[in-house]
PDB file of all heavy atoms in Angstrom:
ATOM      1  N   ASP A   1     148.474 -63.989 -49.741  1.00  0.00           N
ATOM      2  CA  ASP A   1     149.495 -65.007 -49.995  1.00  0.00           C
ATOM      3  C   ASP A   1     149.126 -66.312 -49.324  1.00  0.00           C
ATOM      4  O   ASP A   1     148.278 -66.373 -48.414  1.00  0.00           O
ATOM      5  CB  ASP A   1     150.847 -64.523 -49.482  1.00  0.00           C
ATOM      6  CG  ASP A   1     150.842 -64.297 -47.979  1.00  0.00           C
ATOM      7  OD1 ASP A   1     150.196 -63.301 -47.543  1.00  0.00           O
ATOM      8  OD2 ASP A   1     151.443 -65.094 -47.259  1.00  0.00           O
ATOM      9  N   ASN A   2     149.783 -67.388 -49.765  1.00  0.00           N
ATOM     10  CA  ASN A   2     149.495 -68.723 -49.229  1.00  0.00           C
ATOM     11  C   ASN A   2     149.865 -68.854 -47.760  1.00  0.00           C
ATOM     12  O   ASN A   2     149.249 -69.617 -47.016  1.00  0.00           O
ATOM     13  CB  ASN A   2     150.261 -69.780 -50.038  1.00  0.00           C
ATOM     14  CG  ASN A   2     149.675 -69.937 -51.438  1.00  0.00           C
ATOM     15  OD1 ASN A   2     148.460 -69.858 -51.611  1.00  0.00           O
ATOM     16  ND2 ASN A   2     150.539 -70.152 -52.432  1.00  0.00           N
ATOM     17  N   GLY A   3     150.891 -68.119 -47.302  1.00  0.00           N
ATOM     18  CA  GLY A   3     151.324 -68.251 -45.916  1.00  0.00           C
ATOM     19  C   GLY A   3     150.543 -67.401 -44.942  1.00  0.00           C
ATOM     20  O   GLY A   3     150.773 -67.487 -43.726  1.00  0.00           O
ATOM     21  N   GLY A   4     149.655 -66.552 -45.404  1.00  0.00           N
ATOM     22  CA  GLY A   4     148.855 -65.717 -44.521  1.00  0.00           C
ATOM     23  C   GLY A   4     149.604 -64.549 -43.916  1.00  0.00           C
ATOM     24  O   GLY A   4     149.119 -63.924 -42.962  1.00  0.00           O
ATOM     25  N   VAL A   5     150.789 -64.222 -44.450  1.00  0.00           N
ATOM     26  CA  VAL A   5     151.582 -63.129 -43.897  1.00  0.00           C
ATOM     27  C   VAL A   5     150.855 -61.795 -44.038  1.00  0.00           C
ATOM     28  O   VAL A   5     150.951 -60.915 -43.175  1.00  0.00           O
ATOM     29  CB  VAL A   5     152.962 -63.073 -44.590  1.00  0.00           C
ATOM     30  CG1 VAL A   5     153.771 -61.875 -44.100  1.00  0.00           C
ATOM     31  CG2 VAL A   5     153.718 -64.376 -44.363  1.00  0.00           C
ATOM     32  N   SER A   6     150.100 -61.651 -45.102  1.00  0.00           N
ATOM     33  CA  SER A   6     149.488 -60.356 -45.403  1.00  0.00           C
ATOM     34  C   SER A   6     148.064 -60.212 -44.880  1.00  0.00           C
ATOM     35  O   SER A   6     147.406 -59.206 -45.152  1.00  0.00           O
ATOM     36  CB  SER A   6     149.460 -60.149 -46.923  1.00  0.00           C
ATOM     37  OG  SER A   6     148.704 -61.189 -47.554  1.00  0.00           O
ATOM     38  N   SER A   7     147.564 -61.180 -44.134  1.00  0.00           N
ATOM     39  CA  SER A   7     146.140 -61.167 -43.748  1.00  0.00           C
ATOM     40  C   SER A   7     145.762 -59.919 -42.970  1.00  0.00           C
ATOM     41  O   SER A   7     144.748 -59.262 -43.266  1.00  0.00           O
ATOM     42  CB  SER A   7     145.817 -62.419 -42.923  1.00  0.00           C
ATOM     43  OG  SER A   7     146.036 -63.575 -43.687  1.00  0.00           O
ATOM     44  N   ALA A   8     146.551 -59.529 -42.003  1.00  0.00           N
ATOM     45  CA  ALA A   8     146.182 -58.398 -41.152  1.00  0.00           C
ATOM     46  C   ALA A   8     146.184 -57.093 -41.933  1.00  0.00           C
ATOM     47  O   ALA A   8     145.224 -56.303 -41.866  1.00  0.00           O
ATOM     48  CB  ALA A   8     147.149 -58.322 -39.964  1.00  0.00           C
ATOM     49  N   VAL A   9     147.259 -56.858 -42.680  1.00  0.00           N
ATOM     50  CA  VAL A   9     147.327 -55.600 -43.416  1.00  0.00           C
ATOM     51  C   VAL A   9     146.301 -55.571 -44.544  1.00  0.00           C
ATOM     52  O   VAL A   9     145.762 -54.523 -44.899  1.00  0.00           O
ATOM     53  CB  VAL A   9     148.769 -55.379 -43.948  1.00  0.00           C
ATOM     54  CG1 VAL A   9     149.120 -56.401 -45.026  1.00  0.00           C
ATOM     55  CG2 VAL A   9     148.917 -53.968 -44.491  1.00  0.00           C
ATOM     56  N   LEU A  10     145.991 -56.746 -45.116  1.00  0.00           N
ATOM     57  CA  LEU A  10     144.996 -56.798 -46.192  1.00  0.00           C
ATOM     58  C   LEU A  10     143.620 -56.402 -45.672  1.00  0.00           C
ATOM     59  O   LEU A  10     142.901 -55.623 -46.321  1.00  0.00           O
ATOM     60  CB  LEU A  10     144.953 -58.209 -46.789  1.00  0.00           C
ATOM     61  CG  LEU A  10     143.944 -58.415 -47.921  1.00  0.00           C
ATOM     62  CD1 LEU A  10     144.300 -57.544 -49.117  1.00  0.00           C
ATOM     63  CD2 LEU A  10     143.923 -59.892 -48.341  1.00  0.00           C
ATOM     64  N   GLN A  11     143.245 -56.893 -44.516  1.00  0.00           N
ATOM     65  CA  GLN A  11     141.940 -56.548 -43.955  1.00  0.00           C
ATOM     66  C   GLN A  11     141.836 -55.058 -43.664  1.00  0.00           C
ATOM     67  O   GLN A  11     140.775 -54.449 -43.805  1.00  0.00           O
ATOM     68  CB  GLN A  11     141.706 -57.354 -42.664  1.00  0.00           C
ATOM     69  CG  GLN A  11     141.563 -58.851 -42.896  1.00  0.00           C
ATOM     70  CD  GLN A  11     140.422 -59.171 -43.860  1.00  0.00           C
ATOM     71  OE1 GLN A  11     139.338 -58.566 -43.793  1.00  0.00           O
ATOM     72  NE2 GLN A  11     140.690 -60.106 -44.753  1.00  0.00           N
ATOM     73  N   LYS A  12     142.956 -54.444 -43.284  1.00  0.00           N
ATOM     74  CA  LYS A  12     142.955 -53.007 -42.992  1.00  0.00           C
ATOM     75  C   LYS A  12     142.580 -52.206 -44.234  1.00  0.00           C
ATOM     76  O   LYS A  12     141.747 -51.292 -44.173  1.00  0.00           O
ATOM     77  CB  LYS A  12     144.330 -52.598 -42.470  1.00  0.00           C
ATOM     78  CG  LYS A  12     144.522 -51.087 -42.334  1.00  0.00           C
ATOM     79  CD  LYS A  12     145.940 -50.745 -41.941  1.00  0.00           C
ATOM     80  CE  LYS A  12     146.155 -49.233 -41.939  1.00  0.00           C
ATOM     81  NZ  LYS A  12     147.567 -48.884 -41.607  1.00  0.00           N
ATOM     82  N   TYR A  13     143.156 -52.570 -45.379  1.00  0.00           N
ATOM     83  CA  TYR A  13     142.903 -51.789 -46.590  1.00  0.00           C
ATOM     84  C   TYR A  13     141.617 -52.200 -47.290  1.00  0.00           C
ATOM     85  O   TYR A  13     141.020 -51.403 -48.011  1.00  0.00           O
ATOM     86  CB  TYR A  13     144.095 -51.909 -47.539  1.00  0.00           C
ATOM     87  CG  TYR A  13     145.322 -51.215 -46.998  1.00  0.00           C
ATOM     88  CD1 TYR A  13     146.458 -51.933 -46.650  1.00  0.00           C
ATOM     89  CD2 TYR A  13     145.338 -49.835 -46.812  1.00  0.00           C
ATOM     90  CE1 TYR A  13     147.576 -51.297 -46.140  1.00  0.00           C
ATOM     91  CE2 TYR A  13     146.453 -49.190 -46.296  1.00  0.00           C
ATOM     92  CZ  TYR A  13     147.564 -49.928 -45.965  1.00  0.00           C
ATOM     93  OH  TYR A  13     148.661 -49.290 -45.445  1.00  0.00           O
ATOM     94  N   LEU A  14     141.179 -53.453 -47.084  1.00  0.00           N
ATOM     95  CA  LEU A  14     139.910 -53.873 -47.669  1.00  0.00           C
ATOM     96  C   LEU A  14     138.723 -53.244 -46.959  1.00  0.00           C
ATOM     97  O   LEU A  14     137.610 -53.229 -47.494  1.00  0.00           O
ATOM     98  CB  LEU A  14     139.792 -55.401 -47.630  1.00  0.00           C
ATOM     99  CG  LEU A  14     140.705 -56.181 -48.586  1.00  0.00           C
ATOM    100  CD1 LEU A  14     140.489 -57.681 -48.401  1.00  0.00           C
ATOM    101  CD2 LEU A  14     140.438 -55.781 -50.029  1.00  0.00           C
ATOM    102  N   ALA A  15     138.940 -52.739 -45.751  1.00  0.00           N
ATOM    103  CA  ALA A  15     137.834 -52.109 -45.017  1.00  0.00           C
ATOM    104  C   ALA A  15     137.394 -50.806 -45.682  1.00  0.00           C
ATOM    105  O   ALA A  15     136.304 -50.310 -45.410  1.00  0.00           O
ATOM    106  CB  ALA A  15     138.261 -51.858 -43.576  1.00  0.00           C
ATOM    107  N   LYS A  16     138.241 -50.238 -46.538  1.00  0.00           N
ATOM    108  CA  LYS A  16     137.900 -49.021 -47.265  1.00  0.00           C
ATOM    109  C   LYS A  16     137.680 -49.363 -48.734  1.00  0.00           C
ATOM    110  O   LYS A  16     138.060 -50.433 -49.206  1.00  0.00           O
ATOM    111  CB  LYS A  16     139.015 -47.989 -47.126  1.00  0.00           C
ATOM    112  CG  LYS A  16     139.358 -47.635 -45.687  1.00  0.00           C
ATOM    113  CD  LYS A  16     140.531 -46.676 -45.628  1.00  0.00           C
ATOM    114  CE  LYS A  16     140.916 -46.356 -44.186  1.00  0.00           C
ATOM    115  NZ  LYS A  16     142.081 -45.430 -44.115  1.00  0.00           N
ATOM    116  N   ASN A  17     137.074 -48.447 -49.433  1.00  0.00           N
ATOM    117  CA  ASN A  17     136.815 -48.662 -50.862  1.00  0.00           C
ATOM    118  C   ASN A  17     137.917 -48.066 -51.737  1.00  0.00           C
ATOM    119  O   ASN A  17     137.657 -47.537 -52.815  1.00  0.00           O
ATOM    120  CB  ASN A  17     135.461 -48.061 -51.259  1.00  0.00           C
ATOM    121  CG  ASN A  17     134.300 -48.920 -50.800  1.00  0.00           C
ATOM    122  OD1 ASN A  17     134.436 -50.139 -50.673  1.00  0.00           O
ATOM    123  ND2 ASN A  17     133.167 -48.296 -50.547  1.00  0.00           N
ATOM    124  N   THR A  18     139.163 -48.175 -51.254  1.00  0.00           N
ATOM    125  CA  THR A  18     140.288 -47.685 -52.036  1.00  0.00           C
ATOM    126  C   THR A  18     140.489 -48.579 -53.257  1.00  0.00           C
ATOM    127  O   THR A  18     140.479 -49.812 -53.137  1.00  0.00           O
ATOM    128  CB  THR A  18     141.561 -47.692 -51.186  1.00  0.00           C
ATOM    129  OG1 THR A  18     141.329 -46.964 -49.982  1.00  0.00           O
ATOM    130  CG2 THR A  18     142.725 -47.072 -51.942  1.00  0.00           C
ATOM    131  N   PRO A  19     140.666 -48.025 -54.460  1.00  0.00           N
ATOM    132  CA  PRO A  19     140.905 -48.850 -55.656  1.00  0.00           C
ATOM    133  C   PRO A  19     142.130 -49.737 -55.474  1.00  0.00           C
ATOM    134  O   PRO A  19     143.135 -49.337 -54.875  1.00  0.00           O
ATOM    135  CB  PRO A  19     141.116 -47.818 -56.767  1.00  0.00           C
ATOM    136  CG  PRO A  19     140.422 -46.586 -56.291  1.00  0.00           C
ATOM    137  CD  PRO A  19     140.576 -46.584 -54.797  1.00  0.00           C
ATOM    138  N   ILE A  20     142.048 -50.960 -56.016  1.00  0.00           N
ATOM    139  CA  ILE A  20     143.112 -51.954 -55.843  1.00  0.00           C
ATOM    140  C   ILE A  20     143.441 -52.585 -57.190  1.00  0.00           C
ATOM    141  O   ILE A  20     142.550 -52.914 -57.975  1.00  0.00           O
ATOM    142  CB  ILE A  20     142.707 -53.050 -54.833  1.00  0.00           C
ATOM    143  CG1 ILE A  20     142.530 -52.455 -53.431  1.00  0.00           C
ATOM    144  CG2 ILE A  20     143.747 -54.161 -54.795  1.00  0.00           C
ATOM    145  CD1 ILE A  20     142.109 -53.483 -52.398  1.00  0.00           C
ATOM    146  N   LEU A  21     144.744 -52.767 -57.431  1.00  0.00           N
ATOM    147  CA  LEU A  21     145.233 -53.578 -58.543  1.00  0.00           C
ATOM    148  C   LEU A  21     145.888 -54.815 -57.958  1.00  0.00           C
ATOM    149  O   LEU A  21     146.873 -54.719 -57.219  1.00  0.00           O
ATOM    150  CB  LEU A  21     146.235 -52.791 -59.391  1.00  0.00           C
ATOM    151  CG  LEU A  21     147.054 -53.602 -60.410  1.00  0.00           C
ATOM    152  CD1 LEU A  21     146.142 -54.261 -61.445  1.00  0.00           C
ATOM    153  CD2 LEU A  21     148.106 -52.737 -61.095  1.00  0.00           C
ATOM    154  N   PHE A  22     145.326 -56.008 -58.243  1.00  0.00           N
ATOM    155  CA  PHE A  22     145.902 -57.277 -57.803  1.00  0.00           C
ATOM    156  C   PHE A  22     146.835 -57.790 -58.895  1.00  0.00           C
ATOM    157  O   PHE A  22     146.462 -57.858 -60.076  1.00  0.00           O
ATOM    158  CB  PHE A  22     144.810 -58.324 -57.561  1.00  0.00           C
ATOM    159  CG  PHE A  22     143.957 -58.066 -56.348  1.00  0.00           C
ATOM    160  CD1 PHE A  22     142.760 -57.368 -56.456  1.00  0.00           C
ATOM    161  CD2 PHE A  22     144.337 -58.538 -55.102  1.00  0.00           C
ATOM    162  CE1 PHE A  22     141.962 -57.146 -55.345  1.00  0.00           C
ATOM    163  CE2 PHE A  22     143.543 -58.314 -53.982  1.00  0.00           C
ATOM    164  CZ  PHE A  22     142.352 -57.618 -54.095  1.00  0.00           C
ATOM    165  N   VAL A  23     148.046 -58.156 -58.500  1.00  0.00           N
ATOM    166  CA  VAL A  23     148.986 -58.819 -59.404  1.00  0.00           C
ATOM    167  C   VAL A  23     149.244 -60.211 -58.829  1.00  0.00           C
ATOM    168  O   VAL A  23     149.834 -60.340 -57.745  1.00  0.00           O
ATOM    169  CB  VAL A  23     150.299 -58.027 -59.540  1.00  0.00           C
ATOM    170  CG1 VAL A  23     151.243 -58.739 -60.514  1.00  0.00           C
ATOM    171  CG2 VAL A  23     150.026 -56.612 -60.017  1.00  0.00           C
ATOM    172  N   LEU A  24     148.787 -61.231 -59.553  1.00  0.00           N
ATOM    173  CA  LEU A  24     148.869 -62.595 -59.038  1.00  0.00           C
ATOM    174  C   LEU A  24     150.195 -63.239 -59.392  1.00  0.00           C
ATOM    175  O   LEU A  24     150.862 -62.860 -60.362  1.00  0.00           O
ATOM    176  CB  LEU A  24     147.713 -63.434 -59.606  1.00  0.00           C
ATOM    177  CG  LEU A  24     146.298 -62.898 -59.352  1.00  0.00           C
ATOM    178  CD1 LEU A  24     145.255 -63.862 -59.900  1.00  0.00           C
ATOM    179  CD2 LEU A  24     146.063 -62.654 -57.865  1.00  0.00           C
ATOM    180  N   GLY A  25     150.586 -64.247 -58.577  1.00  0.00           N
ATOM    181  CA  GLY A  25     151.809 -65.013 -58.811  1.00  0.00           C
ATOM    182  C   GLY A  25     151.711 -66.370 -58.151  1.00  0.00           C
ATOM    183  O   GLY A  25     150.647 -66.765 -57.638  1.00  0.00           O
ATOM    184  N   ASN A  26     152.841 -67.070 -58.110  1.00  0.00           N
ATOM    185  CA  ASN A  26     152.801 -68.439 -57.569  1.00  0.00           C
ATOM    186  C   ASN A  26     152.603 -68.471 -56.068  1.00  0.00           C
ATOM    187  O   ASN A  26     152.328 -69.522 -55.492  1.00  0.00           O
ATOM    188  CB  ASN A  26     154.073 -69.205 -57.965  1.00  0.00           C
ATOM    189  CG  ASN A  26     155.325 -68.533 -57.444  1.00  0.00           C
ATOM    190  OD1 ASN A  26     155.267 -67.494 -56.776  1.00  0.00           O
ATOM    191  ND2 ASN A  26     156.483 -69.106 -57.751  1.00  0.00           N
ATOM    192  N   GLN A  27     152.727 -67.322 -55.360  1.00  0.00           N
ATOM    193  CA  GLN A  27     152.497 -67.271 -53.919  1.00  0.00           C
ATOM    194  C   GLN A  27     151.103 -66.760 -53.568  1.00  0.00           C
ATOM    195  O   GLN A  27     150.776 -66.639 -52.381  1.00  0.00           O
ATOM    196  CB  GLN A  27     153.540 -66.360 -53.263  1.00  0.00           C
ATOM    197  CG  GLN A  27     154.966 -66.874 -53.380  1.00  0.00           C
ATOM    198  CD  GLN A  27     155.149 -68.197 -52.647  1.00  0.00           C
ATOM    199  OE1 GLN A  27     154.600 -68.399 -51.554  1.00  0.00           O
ATOM    200  NE2 GLN A  27     155.882 -69.119 -53.259  1.00  0.00           N
ATOM    201  N   SER A  28     150.296 -66.457 -54.576  1.00  0.00           N
ATOM    202  CA  SER A  28     148.953 -65.917 -54.314  1.00  0.00           C
ATOM    203  C   SER A  28     148.026 -67.005 -53.811  1.00  0.00           C
ATOM    204  O   SER A  28     148.051 -68.148 -54.292  1.00  0.00           O
ATOM    205  CB  SER A  28     148.371 -65.301 -55.589  1.00  0.00           C
ATOM    206  OG  SER A  28     149.149 -64.203 -56.027  1.00  0.00           O
ATOM    207  N   SER A  29     147.162 -66.640 -52.859  1.00  0.00           N
ATOM    208  CA  SER A  29     146.164 -67.556 -52.302  1.00  0.00           C
ATOM    209  C   SER A  29     144.824 -67.260 -52.965  1.00  0.00           C
ATOM    210  O   SER A  29     144.273 -66.161 -52.807  1.00  0.00           O
ATOM    211  CB  SER A  29     146.075 -67.374 -50.787  1.00  0.00           C
ATOM    212  OG  SER A  29     145.063 -68.197 -50.255  1.00  0.00           O
ATOM    213  N   MET A  30     144.279 -68.228 -53.710  1.00  0.00           N
ATOM    214  CA  MET A  30     143.080 -67.995 -54.513  1.00  0.00           C
ATOM    215  C   MET A  30     141.823 -67.840 -53.657  1.00  0.00           C
ATOM    216  O   MET A  30     140.912 -67.093 -54.021  1.00  0.00           O
ATOM    217  CB  MET A  30     142.886 -69.137 -55.515  1.00  0.00           C
ATOM    218  CG  MET A  30     143.935 -69.179 -56.614  1.00  0.00           C
ATOM    219  SD  MET A  30     143.980 -67.696 -57.630  1.00  0.00           S
ATOM    220  CE  MET A  30     145.459 -66.905 -57.013  1.00  0.00           C
ATOM    221  N   GLY A  31     141.763 -68.516 -52.528  1.00  0.00           N
ATOM    222  CA  GLY A  31     140.561 -68.414 -51.693  1.00  0.00           C
ATOM    223  C   GLY A  31     140.331 -66.998 -51.194  1.00  0.00           C
ATOM    224  O   GLY A  31     139.293 -66.385 -51.477  1.00  0.00           O
ATOM    225  N   PRO A  32     141.253 -66.409 -50.439  1.00  0.00           N
ATOM    226  CA  PRO A  32     141.084 -65.017 -50.001  1.00  0.00           C
ATOM    227  C   PRO A  32     141.011 -64.035 -51.177  1.00  0.00           C
ATOM    228  O   PRO A  32     140.320 -63.019 -51.090  1.00  0.00           O
ATOM    229  CB  PRO A  32     142.332 -64.771 -49.149  1.00  0.00           C
ATOM    230  CG  PRO A  32     142.775 -66.116 -48.709  1.00  0.00           C
ATOM    231  CD  PRO A  32     142.425 -67.043 -49.821  1.00  0.00           C
ATOM    232  N   PHE A  33     141.724 -64.352 -52.259  1.00  0.00           N
ATOM    233  CA  PHE A  33     141.649 -63.458 -53.423  1.00  0.00           C
ATOM    234  C   PHE A  33     140.231 -63.405 -53.981  1.00  0.00           C
ATOM    235  O   PHE A  33     139.714 -62.324 -54.311  1.00  0.00           O
ATOM    236  CB  PHE A  33     142.635 -63.928 -54.501  1.00  0.00           C
ATOM    237  CG  PHE A  33     142.405 -63.299 -55.845  1.00  0.00           C
ATOM    238  CD1 PHE A  33     142.783 -61.987 -56.096  1.00  0.00           C
ATOM    239  CD2 PHE A  33     141.780 -64.014 -56.862  1.00  0.00           C
ATOM    240  CE1 PHE A  33     142.558 -61.402 -57.334  1.00  0.00           C
ATOM    241  CE2 PHE A  33     141.555 -63.436 -58.101  1.00  0.00           C
ATOM    242  CZ  PHE A  33     141.937 -62.124 -58.340  1.00  0.00           C
ATOM    243  N   ASN A  34     139.563 -64.557 -54.097  1.00  0.00           N
ATOM    244  CA  ASN A  34     138.210 -64.592 -54.655  1.00  0.00           C
ATOM    245  C   ASN A  34     137.222 -63.805 -53.813  1.00  0.00           C
ATOM    246  O   ASN A  34     136.284 -63.192 -54.344  1.00  0.00           O
ATOM    247  CB  ASN A  34     137.744 -66.043 -54.806  1.00  0.00           C
ATOM    248  CG  ASN A  34     138.478 -66.777 -55.921  1.00  0.00           C
ATOM    249  OD1 ASN A  34     138.976 -66.154 -56.862  1.00  0.00           O
ATOM    250  ND2 ASN A  34     138.564 -68.097 -55.808  1.00  0.00           N
ATOM    251  N   THR A  35     137.429 -63.799 -52.501  1.00  0.00           N
ATOM    252  CA  THR A  35     136.505 -63.060 -51.635  1.00  0.00           C
ATOM    253  C   THR A  35     136.851 -61.574 -51.553  1.00  0.00           C
ATOM    254  O   THR A  35     136.065 -60.786 -51.010  1.00  0.00           O
ATOM    255  CB  THR A  35     136.524 -63.654 -50.224  1.00  0.00           C
ATOM    256  OG1 THR A  35     137.846 -63.567 -49.685  1.00  0.00           O
ATOM    257  CG2 THR A  35     136.070 -65.108 -50.247  1.00  0.00           C
ATOM    258  N   SER A  36     138.017 -61.193 -52.092  1.00  0.00           N
ATOM    259  CA  SER A  36     138.473 -59.813 -51.944  1.00  0.00           C
ATOM    260  C   SER A  36     138.284 -58.980 -53.201  1.00  0.00           C
ATOM    261  O   SER A  36     138.474 -57.762 -53.152  1.00  0.00           O
ATOM    262  CB  SER A  36     139.967 -59.785 -51.567  1.00  0.00           C
ATOM    263  OG  SER A  36     140.206 -60.526 -50.396  1.00  0.00           O
ATOM    264  N   ASN A  37     137.954 -59.589 -54.350  1.00  0.00           N
ATOM    265  CA  ASN A  37     137.868 -58.823 -55.588  1.00  0.00           C
ATOM    266  C   ASN A  37     136.525 -59.028 -56.265  1.00  0.00           C
ATOM    267  O   ASN A  37     135.840 -60.036 -56.055  1.00  0.00           O
ATOM    268  CB  ASN A  37     139.011 -59.215 -56.536  1.00  0.00           C
ATOM    269  CG  ASN A  37     138.681 -60.419 -57.395  1.00  0.00           C
ATOM    270  OD1 ASN A  37     138.249 -60.293 -58.536  1.00  0.00           O
ATOM    271  ND2 ASN A  37     138.881 -61.622 -56.843  1.00  0.00           N
ATOM    272  N   SER A  38     136.149 -58.062 -57.101  1.00  0.00           N
ATOM    273  CA  SER A  38     134.870 -58.090 -57.813  1.00  0.00           C
ATOM    274  C   SER A  38     135.059 -58.286 -59.310  1.00  0.00           C
ATOM    275  O   SER A  38     134.147 -58.015 -60.083  1.00  0.00           O
ATOM    276  CB  SER A  38     134.124 -56.772 -57.568  1.00  0.00           C
ATOM    277  OG  SER A  38     134.919 -55.668 -58.000  1.00  0.00           O
TER     278      SER A  38
END
């Protein structure tokens, strides 16, 4: 998100190769999103 509220929990789950479905919206932060998805 744009406010960085989810940064800590996001890094926890990105450390594993668990499958992820991203649903984007007006609060999504494109910079961290681009580095987090393939």
